[in-house]
Amino acid sequence: MKHLIKQAASAAVVRGSKHSTRYITISEDEYEGLIETIEFLKNRNLQKRLAESEEDYRKGKVKDLDDAMKEIGVI
């Protein structure tokens, strides 16, 4: 290995010549986050639901968590 470049949660390993393979290592948490992001970006329905939820929040269409839990009988 010619270089090892460390960053907060990842590292890049660069081998000898400029034409060699590069390897990138990341933490398991960072990897899982990337996979979740990819899955979210592939799911148009989920994106739509999130946009609707954000709009409801902006319009003040929200409930206190305790009140909502009481309504559905959790507490």
PDB file of N, CA and C in Angstrom:
ATOM      1  N   MET A   1       0.844  -1.185   0.000  1.00  0.00           N
ATOM      2  CA  MET A   1       0.000   0.000   0.000  1.00  0.00           C
ATOM      3  C   MET A   1       0.881   1.236   0.000  1.00  0.00           C
ATOM      4  N   LYS A   2       0.593   2.107  -0.936  1.00  0.00           N
ATOM      5  CA  LYS A   2       1.396   3.314  -1.029  1.00  0.00           C
ATOM      6  C   LYS A   2       0.899   4.390  -0.073  1.00  0.00           C
ATOM      7  N   HIS A   3      -0.417   4.554   0.000  1.00  0.00           N
ATOM      8  CA  HIS A   3      -0.987   5.597   0.845  1.00  0.00           C
ATOM      9  C   HIS A   3      -2.178   5.046   1.620  1.00  0.00           C
ATOM     10  N   LEU A   4      -2.356   5.549   2.790  1.00  0.00           N
ATOM     11  CA  LEU A   4      -3.570   5.282   3.558  1.00  0.00           C
ATOM     12  C   LEU A   4      -4.050   6.632   4.054  1.00  0.00           C
ATOM     13  N   ILE A   5      -5.194   7.061   3.550  1.00  0.00           N
ATOM     14  CA  ILE A   5      -5.728   8.371   3.891  1.00  0.00           C
ATOM     15  C   ILE A   5      -6.877   8.155   4.860  1.00  0.00           C
ATOM     16  N   LYS A   6      -6.732   8.620   6.086  1.00  0.00           N
ATOM     17  CA  LYS A   6      -7.776   8.420   7.085  1.00  0.00           C
ATOM     18  C   LYS A   6      -8.644   9.662   7.192  1.00  0.00           C
ATOM     19  N   GLN A   7      -9.947   9.418   7.317  1.00  0.00           N
ATOM     20  CA  GLN A   7     -10.911  10.470   7.572  1.00  0.00           C
ATOM     21  C   GLN A   7     -11.732  10.032   8.766  1.00  0.00           C
ATOM     22  N   ALA A   8     -12.666  10.849   9.190  1.00  0.00           N
ATOM     23  CA  ALA A   8     -13.444  10.567  10.389  1.00  0.00           C
ATOM     24  C   ALA A   8     -14.012   9.146  10.414  1.00  0.00           C
ATOM     25  N   ALA A   9     -14.736   8.744   9.392  1.00  0.00           N
ATOM     26  CA  ALA A   9     -15.387   7.432   9.412  1.00  0.00           C
ATOM     27  C   ALA A   9     -15.004   6.578   8.218  1.00  0.00           C
ATOM     28  N   SER A  10     -13.980   6.958   7.470  1.00  0.00           N
ATOM     29  CA  SER A  10     -13.634   6.180   6.295  1.00  0.00           C
ATOM     30  C   SER A  10     -12.141   6.269   6.019  1.00  0.00           C
ATOM     31  N   ALA A  11     -11.679   5.399   5.132  1.00  0.00           N
ATOM     32  CA  ALA A  11     -10.277   5.428   4.736  1.00  0.00           C
ATOM     33  C   ALA A  11     -10.178   5.001   3.281  1.00  0.00           C
ATOM     34  N   ALA A  12      -9.267   5.602   2.554  1.00  0.00           N
ATOM     35  CA  ALA A  12      -9.028   5.225   1.166  1.00  0.00           C
ATOM     36  C   ALA A  12      -7.652   4.584   1.084  1.00  0.00           C
ATOM     37  N   VAL A  13      -7.574   3.433   0.466  1.00  0.00           N
ATOM     38  CA  VAL A  13      -6.310   2.743   0.299  1.00  0.00           C
ATOM     39  C   VAL A  13      -5.943   2.812  -1.177  1.00  0.00           C
ATOM     40  N   VAL A  14      -4.790   3.393  -1.477  1.00  0.00           N
ATOM     41  CA  VAL A  14      -4.352   3.558  -2.860  1.00  0.00           C
ATOM     42  C   VAL A  14      -3.099   2.709  -3.056  1.00  0.00           C
ATOM     43  N   ARG A  15      -3.128   1.822  -4.057  1.00  0.00           N
ATOM     44  CA  ARG A  15      -1.979   0.971  -4.329  1.00  0.00           C
ATOM     45  C   ARG A  15      -1.018   1.687  -5.279  1.00  0.00           C
ATOM     46  N   GLY A  16       0.170   1.140  -5.446  1.00  0.00           N
ATOM     47  CA  GLY A  16       1.268   1.682  -6.216  1.00  0.00           C
ATOM     48  C   GLY A  16       1.036   2.593  -7.405  1.00  0.00           C
ATOM     49  N   SER A  17       0.626   2.065  -8.571  1.00  0.00           N
ATOM     50  CA  SER A  17       0.548   2.888  -9.777  1.00  0.00           C
ATOM     51  C   SER A  17      -0.789   3.592  -9.901  1.00  0.00           C
ATOM     52  N   LYS A  18      -0.856   4.542 -10.821  1.00  0.00           N
ATOM     53  CA  LYS A  18      -2.092   5.294 -11.005  1.00  0.00           C
ATOM     54  C   LYS A  18      -3.198   4.459 -11.645  1.00  0.00           C
ATOM     55  N   HIS A  19      -2.884   3.282 -12.167  1.00  0.00           N
ATOM     56  CA  HIS A  19      -3.870   2.424 -12.821  1.00  0.00           C
ATOM     57  C   HIS A  19      -4.337   1.269 -11.938  1.00  0.00           C
ATOM     58  N   SER A  20      -3.923   1.264 -10.706  1.00  0.00           N
ATOM     59  CA  SER A  20      -4.306   0.162  -9.828  1.00  0.00           C
ATOM     60  C   SER A  20      -5.669   0.408  -9.178  1.00  0.00           C
ATOM     61  N   THR A  21      -6.185  -0.635  -8.602  1.00  0.00           N
ATOM     62  CA  THR A  21      -7.492  -0.578  -7.955  1.00  0.00           C
ATOM     63  C   THR A  21      -7.421   0.254  -6.679  1.00  0.00           C
ATOM     64  N   ARG A  22      -8.496   0.992  -6.436  1.00  0.00           N
ATOM     65  CA  ARG A  22      -8.602   1.760  -5.195  1.00  0.00           C
ATOM     66  C   ARG A  22      -9.639   1.079  -4.309  1.00  0.00           C
ATOM     67  N   TYR A  23      -9.398   1.054  -3.030  1.00  0.00           N
ATOM     68  CA  TYR A  23     -10.331   0.487  -2.073  1.00  0.00           C
ATOM     69  C   TYR A  23     -10.743   1.582  -1.097  1.00  0.00           C
ATOM     70  N   ILE A  24     -12.021   1.630  -0.823  1.00  0.00           N
ATOM     71  CA  ILE A  24     -12.540   2.595   0.137  1.00  0.00           C
ATOM     72  C   ILE A  24     -13.179   1.810   1.268  1.00  0.00           C
ATOM     73  N   THR A  25     -12.800   2.112   2.481  1.00  0.00           N
ATOM     74  CA  THR A  25     -13.443   1.468   3.621  1.00  0.00           C
ATOM     75  C   THR A  25     -14.256   2.514   4.365  1.00  0.00           C
ATOM     76  N   ILE A  26     -15.420   2.087   4.831  1.00  0.00           N
ATOM     77  CA  ILE A  26     -16.285   2.968   5.609  1.00  0.00           C
ATOM     78  C   ILE A  26     -16.817   2.184   6.803  1.00  0.00           C
ATOM     79  N   SER A  27     -17.300   2.892   7.786  1.00  0.00           N
ATOM     80  CA  SER A  27     -17.850   2.216   8.950  1.00  0.00           C
ATOM     81  C   SER A  27     -19.137   1.489   8.575  1.00  0.00           C
ATOM     82  N   GLU A  28     -19.508   0.521   9.390  1.00  0.00           N
ATOM     83  CA  GLU A  28     -20.745  -0.212   9.149  1.00  0.00           C
ATOM     84  C   GLU A  28     -21.948   0.721   9.214  1.00  0.00           C
ATOM     85  N   ASP A  29     -21.943   1.670  10.143  1.00  0.00           N
ATOM     86  CA  ASP A  29     -23.041   2.636  10.246  1.00  0.00           C
ATOM     87  C   ASP A  29     -23.162   3.479   8.983  1.00  0.00           C
ATOM     88  N   GLU A  30     -22.026   3.922   8.465  1.00  0.00           N
ATOM     89  CA  GLU A  30     -22.037   4.731   7.251  1.00  0.00           C
ATOM     90  C   GLU A  30     -22.539   3.902   6.057  1.00  0.00           C
ATOM     91  N   TYR A  31     -22.105   2.645   5.977  1.00  0.00           N
ATOM     92  CA  TYR A  31     -22.552   1.751   4.913  1.00  0.00           C
ATOM     93  C   TYR A  31     -24.065   1.552   4.976  1.00  0.00           C
ATOM     94  N   GLU A  32     -24.582   1.254   6.163  1.00  0.00           N
ATOM     95  CA  GLU A  32     -26.024   1.053   6.322  1.00  0.00           C
ATOM     96  C   GLU A  32     -26.801   2.311   5.950  1.00  0.00           C
ATOM     97  N   GLY A  33     -26.258   3.479   6.307  1.00  0.00           N
ATOM     98  CA  GLY A  33     -26.899   4.738   5.931  1.00  0.00           C
ATOM     99  C   GLY A  33     -26.951   4.918   4.426  1.00  0.00           C
ATOM    100  N   LEU A  34     -25.885   4.556   3.743  1.00  0.00           N
ATOM    101  CA  LEU A  34     -25.863   4.660   2.279  1.00  0.00           C
ATOM    102  C   LEU A  34     -26.889   3.728   1.644  1.00  0.00           C
ATOM    103  N   ILE A  35     -26.987   2.503   2.168  1.00  0.00           N
ATOM    104  CA  ILE A  35     -27.958   1.540   1.645  1.00  0.00           C
ATOM    105  C   ILE A  35     -29.379   2.055   1.870  1.00  0.00           C
ATOM    106  N   GLU A  36     -29.661   2.581   3.058  1.00  0.00           N
ATOM    107  CA  GLU A  36     -30.985   3.131   3.342  1.00  0.00           C
ATOM    108  C   GLU A  36     -31.308   4.298   2.417  1.00  0.00           C
ATOM    109  N   THR A  37     -30.329   5.145   2.152  1.00  0.00           N
ATOM    110  CA  THR A  37     -30.531   6.277   1.247  1.00  0.00           C
ATOM    111  C   THR A  37     -30.854   5.787  -0.164  1.00  0.00           C
ATOM    112  N   ILE A  38     -30.127   4.789  -0.626  1.00  0.00           N
ATOM    113  CA  ILE A  38     -30.381   4.231  -1.960  1.00  0.00           C
ATOM    114  C   ILE A  38     -31.787   3.655  -2.028  1.00  0.00           C
ATOM    115  N   GLU A  39     -32.178   2.893  -1.009  1.00  0.00           N
ATOM    116  CA  GLU A  39     -33.519   2.305  -0.986  1.00  0.00           C
ATOM    117  C   GLU A  39     -34.584   3.396  -0.983  1.00  0.00           C
ATOM    118  N   PHE A  40     -34.368   4.463  -0.220  1.00  0.00           N
ATOM    119  CA  PHE A  40     -35.321   5.573  -0.175  1.00  0.00           C
ATOM    120  C   PHE A  40     -35.436   6.228  -1.550  1.00  0.00           C
ATOM    121  N   LEU A  41     -34.304   6.466  -2.198  1.00  0.00           N
ATOM    122  CA  LEU A  41     -34.315   7.123  -3.504  1.00  0.00           C
ATOM    123  C   LEU A  41     -34.972   6.267  -4.579  1.00  0.00           C
ATOM    124  N   LYS A  42     -34.983   4.951  -4.401  1.00  0.00           N
ATOM    125  CA  LYS A  42     -35.638   4.057  -5.356  1.00  0.00           C
ATOM    126  C   LYS A  42     -37.142   3.949  -5.113  1.00  0.00           C
ATOM    127  N   ASN A  43     -37.617   4.374  -3.939  1.00  0.00           N
ATOM    128  CA  ASN A  43     -39.008   4.188  -3.553  1.00  0.00           C
ATOM    129  C   ASN A  43     -39.786   5.499  -3.677  1.00  0.00           C
ATOM    130  N   ARG A  44     -40.427   5.706  -4.825  1.00  0.00           N
ATOM    131  CA  ARG A  44     -41.167   6.947  -5.075  1.00  0.00           C
ATOM    132  C   ARG A  44     -42.333   7.128  -4.100  1.00  0.00           C
ATOM    133  N   ASN A  45     -42.993   6.034  -3.722  1.00  0.00           N
ATOM    134  CA  ASN A  45     -44.107   6.122  -2.791  1.00  0.00           C
ATOM    135  C   ASN A  45     -43.643   6.650  -1.432  1.00  0.00           C
ATOM    136  N   LEU A  46     -42.521   6.154  -0.960  1.00  0.00           N
ATOM    137  CA  LEU A  46     -41.982   6.617   0.320  1.00  0.00           C
ATOM    138  C   LEU A  46     -41.594   8.089   0.243  1.00  0.00           C
ATOM    139  N   GLN A  47     -41.016   8.510  -0.875  1.00  0.00           N
ATOM    140  CA  GLN A  47     -40.656   9.917  -1.052  1.00  0.00           C
ATOM    141  C   GLN A  47     -41.907  10.794  -1.023  1.00  0.00           C
ATOM    142  N   LYS A  48     -42.971  10.315  -1.667  1.00  0.00           N
ATOM    143  CA  LYS A  48     -44.234  11.060  -1.687  1.00  0.00           C
ATOM    144  C   LYS A  48     -44.802  11.176  -0.273  1.00  0.00           C
ATOM    145  N   ARG A  49     -44.778  10.070   0.472  1.00  0.00           N
ATOM    146  CA  ARG A  49     -45.301  10.093   1.840  1.00  0.00           C
ATOM    147  C   ARG A  49     -44.498  11.048   2.720  1.00  0.00           C
ATOM    148  N   LEU A  50     -43.199  11.078   2.550  1.00  0.00           N
ATOM    149  CA  LEU A  50     -42.373  11.994   3.326  1.00  0.00           C
ATOM    150  C   LEU A  50     -42.709  13.442   2.982  1.00  0.00           C
ATOM    151  N   ALA A  51     -42.859  13.744   1.700  1.00  0.00           N
ATOM    152  CA  ALA A  51     -43.210  15.104   1.273  1.00  0.00           C
ATOM    153  C   ALA A  51     -44.567  15.513   1.857  1.00  0.00           C
ATOM    154  N   GLU A  52     -45.526  14.578   1.855  1.00  0.00           N
ATOM    155  CA  GLU A  52     -46.841  14.877   2.427  1.00  0.00           C
ATOM    156  C   GLU A  52     -46.739  15.121   3.927  1.00  0.00           C
ATOM    157  N   SER A  53     -45.929  14.347   4.600  1.00  0.00           N
ATOM    158  CA  SER A  53     -45.732  14.526   6.042  1.00  0.00           C
ATOM    159  C   SER A  53     -45.093  15.870   6.348  1.00  0.00           C
ATOM    160  N   GLU A  54     -44.107  16.245   5.550  1.00  0.00           N
ATOM    161  CA  GLU A  54     -43.458  17.546   5.746  1.00  0.00           C
ATOM    162  C   GLU A  54     -44.446  18.682   5.522  1.00  0.00           C
ATOM    163  N   GLU A  55     -45.305  18.539   4.524  1.00  0.00           N
ATOM    164  CA  GLU A  55     -46.327  19.553   4.253  1.00  0.00           C
ATOM    165  C   GLU A  55     -47.313  19.638   5.412  1.00  0.00           C
ATOM    166  N   ASP A  56     -47.750  18.503   5.925  1.00  0.00           N
ATOM    167  CA  ASP A  56     -48.642  18.495   7.092  1.00  0.00           C
ATOM    168  C   ASP A  56     -47.989  19.207   8.275  1.00  0.00           C
ATOM    169  N   TYR A  57     -46.716  18.944   8.487  1.00  0.00           N
ATOM    170  CA  TYR A  57     -45.988  19.592   9.588  1.00  0.00           C
ATOM    171  C   TYR A  57     -45.957  21.104   9.397  1.00  0.00           C
ATOM    172  N   ARG A  58     -45.652  21.545   8.170  1.00  0.00           N
ATOM    173  CA  ARG A  58     -45.613  22.995   7.888  1.00  0.00           C
ATOM    174  C   ARG A  58     -46.975  23.646   8.124  1.00  0.00           C
ATOM    175  N   LYS A  59     -48.039  22.901   7.828  1.00  0.00           N
ATOM    176  CA  LYS A  59     -49.391  23.433   8.002  1.00  0.00           C
ATOM    177  C   LYS A  59     -49.891  23.306   9.443  1.00  0.00           C
ATOM    178  N   GLY A  60     -49.088  22.714  10.299  1.00  0.00           N
ATOM    179  CA  GLY A  60     -49.485  22.560  11.693  1.00  0.00           C
ATOM    180  C   GLY A  60     -50.405  21.374  11.941  1.00  0.00           C
ATOM    181  N   LYS A  61     -50.513  20.486  10.986  1.00  0.00           N
ATOM    182  CA  LYS A  61     -51.366  19.301  11.129  1.00  0.00           C
ATOM    183  C   LYS A  61     -50.594  18.199  11.868  1.00  0.00           C
ATOM    184  N   VAL A  62     -50.324  18.467  13.120  1.00  0.00           N
ATOM    185  CA  VAL A  62     -49.568  17.519  13.934  1.00  0.00           C
ATOM    186  C   VAL A  62     -50.271  17.319  15.267  1.00  0.00           C
ATOM    187  N   LYS A  63     -49.940  16.207  15.914  1.00  0.00           N
ATOM    188  CA  LYS A  63     -50.490  15.903  17.229  1.00  0.00           C
ATOM    189  C   LYS A  63     -49.353  15.667  18.196  1.00  0.00           C
ATOM    190  N   ASP A  64     -49.627  15.931  19.451  1.00  0.00           N
ATOM    191  CA  ASP A  64     -48.690  15.594  20.505  1.00  0.00           C
ATOM    192  C   ASP A  64     -48.571  14.070  20.555  1.00  0.00           C
ATOM    193  N   LEU A  65     -47.379  13.547  20.743  1.00  0.00           N
ATOM    194  CA  LEU A  65     -47.169  12.108  20.734  1.00  0.00           C
ATOM    195  C   LEU A  65     -48.029  11.402  21.779  1.00  0.00           C
ATOM    196  N   ASP A  66     -48.088  11.955  22.991  1.00  0.00           N
ATOM    197  CA  ASP A  66     -48.903  11.331  24.037  1.00  0.00           C
ATOM    198  C   ASP A  66     -50.374  11.284  23.641  1.00  0.00           C
ATOM    199  N   ASP A  67     -50.877  12.366  23.047  1.00  0.00           N
ATOM    200  CA  ASP A  67     -52.280  12.389  22.606  1.00  0.00           C
ATOM    201  C   ASP A  67     -52.533  11.338  21.524  1.00  0.00           C
ATOM    202  N   ALA A  68     -51.634  11.229  20.578  1.00  0.00           N
ATOM    203  CA  ALA A  68     -51.789  10.247  19.509  1.00  0.00           C
ATOM    204  C   ALA A  68     -51.756   8.822  20.065  1.00  0.00           C
ATOM    205  N   MET A  69     -50.867   8.564  21.012  1.00  0.00           N
ATOM    206  CA  MET A  69     -50.779   7.237  21.604  1.00  0.00           C
ATOM    207  C   MET A  69     -52.031   6.891  22.388  1.00  0.00           C
ATOM    208  N   LYS A  70     -52.619   7.882  23.066  1.00  0.00           N
ATOM    209  CA  LYS A  70     -53.884   7.676  23.782  1.00  0.00           C
ATOM    210  C   LYS A  70     -55.004   7.351  22.802  1.00  0.00           C
ATOM    211  N   GLU A  71     -55.036   8.041  21.675  1.00  0.00           N
ATOM    212  CA  GLU A  71     -56.071   7.810  20.664  1.00  0.00           C
ATOM    213  C   GLU A  71     -56.068   6.383  20.123  1.00  0.00           C
ATOM    214  N   ILE A  72     -54.886   5.831  19.963  1.00  0.00           N
ATOM    215  CA  ILE A  72     -54.813   4.480  19.399  1.00  0.00           C
ATOM    216  C   ILE A  72     -54.735   3.405  20.501  1.00  0.00           C
ATOM    217  N   GLY A  73     -54.803   3.829  21.764  1.00  0.00           N
ATOM    218  CA  GLY A  73     -54.868   2.891  22.879  1.00  0.00           C
ATOM    219  C   GLY A  73     -53.561   2.321  23.345  1.00  0.00           C
ATOM    220  N   VAL A  74     -52.462   2.967  23.013  1.00  0.00           N
ATOM    221  CA  VAL A  74     -51.152   2.477  23.465  1.00  0.00           C
ATOM    222  C   VAL A  74     -50.931   2.803  24.925  1.00  0.00           C
ATOM    223  N   ILE A  75     -51.394   3.991  25.329  1.00  0.00           N
ATOM    224  CA  ILE A  75     -51.271   4.373  26.738  1.00  0.00           C
ATOM    225  C   ILE A  75     -52.620   4.820  27.276  1.00  0.00           C
TER     226      ILE A  75
END
